[in-house]
């Protein structure tokens, strides 16, 4: 019958999809572990960088909008 090749193709597609999903999950776990290590080793540097970036963005926004309220 025609359904047998279709079922075989569906099984192959499912297996391929599962293997791709497993690869993606593995890469995601590796990336998360790497980010976690960086965060733990450079905590204060990252906090200081985030604060400075926030201050810079806040300063630029207030400079641009300073004339809006006058």
N, C-alpha and C. Protein backbone atom coordinates (compact mmCIF):
# COMPACT_ATOMS: atom_id res chain seq x y z
N UNK A 1 0.82 -1.20 0.00
CA UNK A 1 0.00 0.00 0.00
C UNK A 1 0.86 1.26 0.00
N UNK A 2 0.24 2.37 -0.24
CA UNK A 2 0.94 3.64 -0.27
C UNK A 2 1.24 4.18 1.12
N UNK A 3 0.57 3.67 2.11
CA UNK A 3 0.77 4.21 3.46
C UNK A 3 2.09 3.78 4.09
N UNK A 4 2.62 2.64 3.69
CA UNK A 4 3.86 2.16 4.29
C UNK A 4 5.05 3.09 4.02
N UNK A 5 5.28 3.53 2.78
CA UNK A 5 6.39 4.47 2.56
C UNK A 5 6.15 5.80 3.30
N UNK A 6 4.90 6.20 3.39
CA UNK A 6 4.60 7.45 4.09
C UNK A 6 4.90 7.32 5.58
N UNK A 7 4.56 6.18 6.17
CA UNK A 7 4.85 5.96 7.58
C UNK A 7 6.35 5.87 7.83
N UNK A 8 7.07 5.24 6.92
CA UNK A 8 8.53 5.16 7.05
C UNK A 8 9.14 6.56 6.96
N UNK A 9 8.65 7.35 6.04
CA UNK A 9 9.15 8.72 5.90
C UNK A 9 8.83 9.54 7.15
N UNK A 10 7.66 9.34 7.72
CA UNK A 10 7.27 10.05 8.94
C UNK A 10 8.19 9.65 10.10
N UNK A 11 8.51 8.37 10.21
CA UNK A 11 9.41 7.90 11.26
C UNK A 11 10.82 8.49 11.09
N UNK A 12 11.30 8.53 9.85
CA UNK A 12 12.61 9.11 9.58
C UNK A 12 12.63 10.59 9.94
N UNK A 13 11.56 11.29 9.59
CA UNK A 13 11.47 12.71 9.89
C UNK A 13 11.43 12.94 11.40
N UNK A 14 10.69 12.10 12.10
CA UNK A 14 10.60 12.21 13.55
C UNK A 14 11.96 11.97 14.19
N UNK A 15 12.68 10.95 13.74
CA UNK A 15 14.01 10.66 14.28
C UNK A 15 14.98 11.80 14.01
N UNK A 16 14.91 12.36 12.82
CA UNK A 16 15.77 13.49 12.46
C UNK A 16 15.46 14.69 13.35
N UNK A 17 14.18 14.95 13.55
CA UNK A 17 13.76 16.05 14.40
C UNK A 17 14.24 15.85 15.83
N UNK A 18 14.13 14.66 16.36
CA UNK A 18 14.58 14.37 17.72
C UNK A 18 16.08 14.56 17.87
N UNK A 19 16.83 14.14 16.87
CA UNK A 19 18.29 14.29 16.96
C UNK A 19 18.68 15.77 16.90
N UNK A 20 18.00 16.55 16.08
CA UNK A 20 18.27 17.99 16.01
C UNK A 20 17.92 18.65 17.33
N UNK A 21 16.79 18.28 17.91
CA UNK A 21 16.38 18.84 19.21
C UNK A 21 17.40 18.51 20.29
N UNK A 22 17.92 17.29 20.29
CA UNK A 22 18.92 16.91 21.27
C UNK A 22 20.21 17.72 21.12
N UNK A 23 20.61 17.96 19.89
CA UNK A 23 21.80 18.77 19.63
C UNK A 23 21.59 20.20 20.13
N UNK A 24 20.42 20.76 19.84
CA UNK A 24 20.12 22.12 20.27
C UNK A 24 20.09 22.22 21.79
N UNK A 25 19.49 21.25 22.45
CA UNK A 25 19.45 21.24 23.91
C UNK A 25 20.86 21.15 24.50
N UNK A 26 21.70 20.33 23.92
CA UNK A 26 23.06 20.17 24.41
C UNK A 26 23.84 21.48 24.26
N UNK A 27 23.72 22.13 23.11
CA UNK A 27 24.41 23.39 22.88
C UNK A 27 23.90 24.48 23.83
N UNK A 28 22.59 24.46 24.10
CA UNK A 28 22.00 25.44 25.01
C UNK A 28 22.54 25.24 26.42
N UNK A 29 22.63 23.99 26.85
CA UNK A 29 23.18 23.71 28.18
C UNK A 29 24.63 24.16 28.29
N UNK A 30 25.41 23.90 27.25
CA UNK A 30 26.82 24.32 27.26
C UNK A 30 26.93 25.84 27.33
N UNK A 31 26.09 26.54 26.58
CA UNK A 31 26.12 28.00 26.59
C UNK A 31 25.71 28.55 27.95
N UNK A 32 24.71 27.95 28.55
CA UNK A 32 24.25 28.40 29.87
C UNK A 32 25.33 28.17 30.92
N UNK A 33 26.02 27.05 30.85
CA UNK A 33 27.10 26.77 31.80
C UNK A 33 28.25 27.75 31.61
N UNK A 34 28.57 28.08 30.37
CA UNK A 34 29.64 29.04 30.10
C UNK A 34 29.27 30.42 30.64
N UNK A 35 28.03 30.83 30.41
CA UNK A 35 27.57 32.13 30.92
C UNK A 35 27.59 32.14 32.44
N UNK A 36 27.20 31.05 33.05
CA UNK A 36 27.20 30.94 34.51
C UNK A 36 28.62 31.06 35.06
N UNK A 37 29.58 30.41 34.43
CA UNK A 37 30.97 30.51 34.87
C UNK A 37 31.48 31.93 34.76
N UNK A 38 31.19 32.59 33.66
CA UNK A 38 31.64 33.97 33.46
C UNK A 38 31.03 34.87 34.52
N UNK A 39 29.75 34.69 34.80
CA UNK A 39 29.07 35.50 35.80
C UNK A 39 29.67 35.30 37.18
N UNK A 40 29.99 34.06 37.52
CA UNK A 40 30.55 33.79 38.84
C UNK A 40 31.99 34.29 38.98
N UNK A 41 32.75 34.28 37.91
CA UNK A 41 34.14 34.71 37.98
C UNK A 41 34.31 36.22 37.88
N UNK A 42 33.38 36.90 37.23
CA UNK A 42 33.51 38.34 36.99
C UNK A 42 32.27 39.10 37.46
N UNK A 43 31.76 38.77 38.63
CA UNK A 43 30.50 39.34 39.11
C UNK A 43 30.58 40.86 39.21
N UNK A 44 31.57 41.38 39.89
CA UNK A 44 31.63 42.81 40.14
C UNK A 44 31.93 43.60 38.87
N UNK A 45 32.73 43.05 38.00
CA UNK A 45 32.99 43.73 36.73
C UNK A 45 31.71 43.84 35.90
N UNK A 46 30.92 42.76 35.88
CA UNK A 46 29.68 42.79 35.12
C UNK A 46 28.66 43.73 35.73
N UNK A 47 28.59 43.77 37.06
CA UNK A 47 27.68 44.71 37.73
C UNK A 47 28.08 46.15 37.44
N UNK A 48 29.38 46.43 37.54
CA UNK A 48 29.86 47.79 37.27
C UNK A 48 29.60 48.18 35.82
N UNK A 49 29.82 47.26 34.89
CA UNK A 49 29.57 47.55 33.48
C UNK A 49 28.10 47.85 33.23
N UNK A 50 27.21 47.07 33.85
CA UNK A 50 25.78 47.30 33.69
C UNK A 50 25.35 48.63 34.27
N UNK A 51 25.92 49.00 35.42
CA UNK A 51 25.58 50.28 36.04
C UNK A 51 26.07 51.45 35.18
N UNK A 52 27.28 51.35 34.68
CA UNK A 52 27.80 52.42 33.82
C UNK A 52 27.00 52.55 32.54
N UNK A 53 26.62 51.44 31.96
CA UNK A 53 25.81 51.48 30.75
C UNK A 53 24.46 52.13 31.03
N UNK A 54 23.85 51.79 32.17
CA UNK A 54 22.58 52.40 32.54
C UNK A 54 22.71 53.89 32.77
N UNK A 55 23.79 54.31 33.43
CA UNK A 55 24.02 55.73 33.64
C UNK A 55 24.21 56.47 32.32
N UNK A 56 24.98 55.88 31.41
CA UNK A 56 25.22 56.51 30.12
C UNK A 56 23.92 56.66 29.33
N UNK A 57 23.12 55.62 29.30
CA UNK A 57 21.85 55.68 28.57
C UNK A 57 20.92 56.70 29.22
N UNK A 58 20.86 56.71 30.55
CA UNK A 58 20.03 57.68 31.26
C UNK A 58 20.46 59.10 30.98
N UNK A 59 21.76 59.35 30.98
CA UNK A 59 22.28 60.69 30.69
C UNK A 59 21.90 61.12 29.28
N UNK A 60 22.10 60.23 28.31
CA UNK A 60 21.79 60.58 26.92
C UNK A 60 20.30 60.85 26.72
N UNK A 61 19.46 60.07 27.36
CA UNK A 61 18.01 60.27 27.23
C UNK A 61 17.61 61.60 27.86
N UNK A 62 18.16 61.93 29.02
CA UNK A 62 17.78 63.19 29.66
C UNK A 62 18.30 64.38 28.87
N UNK A 63 19.45 64.27 28.26
CA UNK A 63 19.99 65.37 27.45
C UNK A 63 19.12 65.61 26.23
N UNK A 64 18.63 64.55 25.64
CA UNK A 64 17.80 64.68 24.45
C UNK A 64 16.43 65.26 24.81
N UNK A 65 15.92 64.93 25.95
CA UNK A 65 14.56 65.37 26.34
C UNK A 65 14.58 66.60 27.23
N UNK A 66 15.74 67.19 27.50
CA UNK A 66 15.82 68.34 28.40
C UNK A 66 14.98 69.51 27.90
N UNK A 67 14.95 69.72 26.60
CA UNK A 67 14.18 70.82 26.04
C UNK A 67 12.69 70.52 25.95
N UNK A 68 12.30 69.30 26.18
CA UNK A 68 10.88 68.91 26.05
C UNK A 68 10.02 69.52 27.13
N UNK A 69 10.57 69.76 28.33
CA UNK A 69 9.75 70.20 29.47
C UNK A 69 9.83 71.69 29.71
N UNK A 70 10.59 72.41 28.94
CA UNK A 70 10.73 73.87 29.13
C UNK A 70 9.85 74.64 28.22
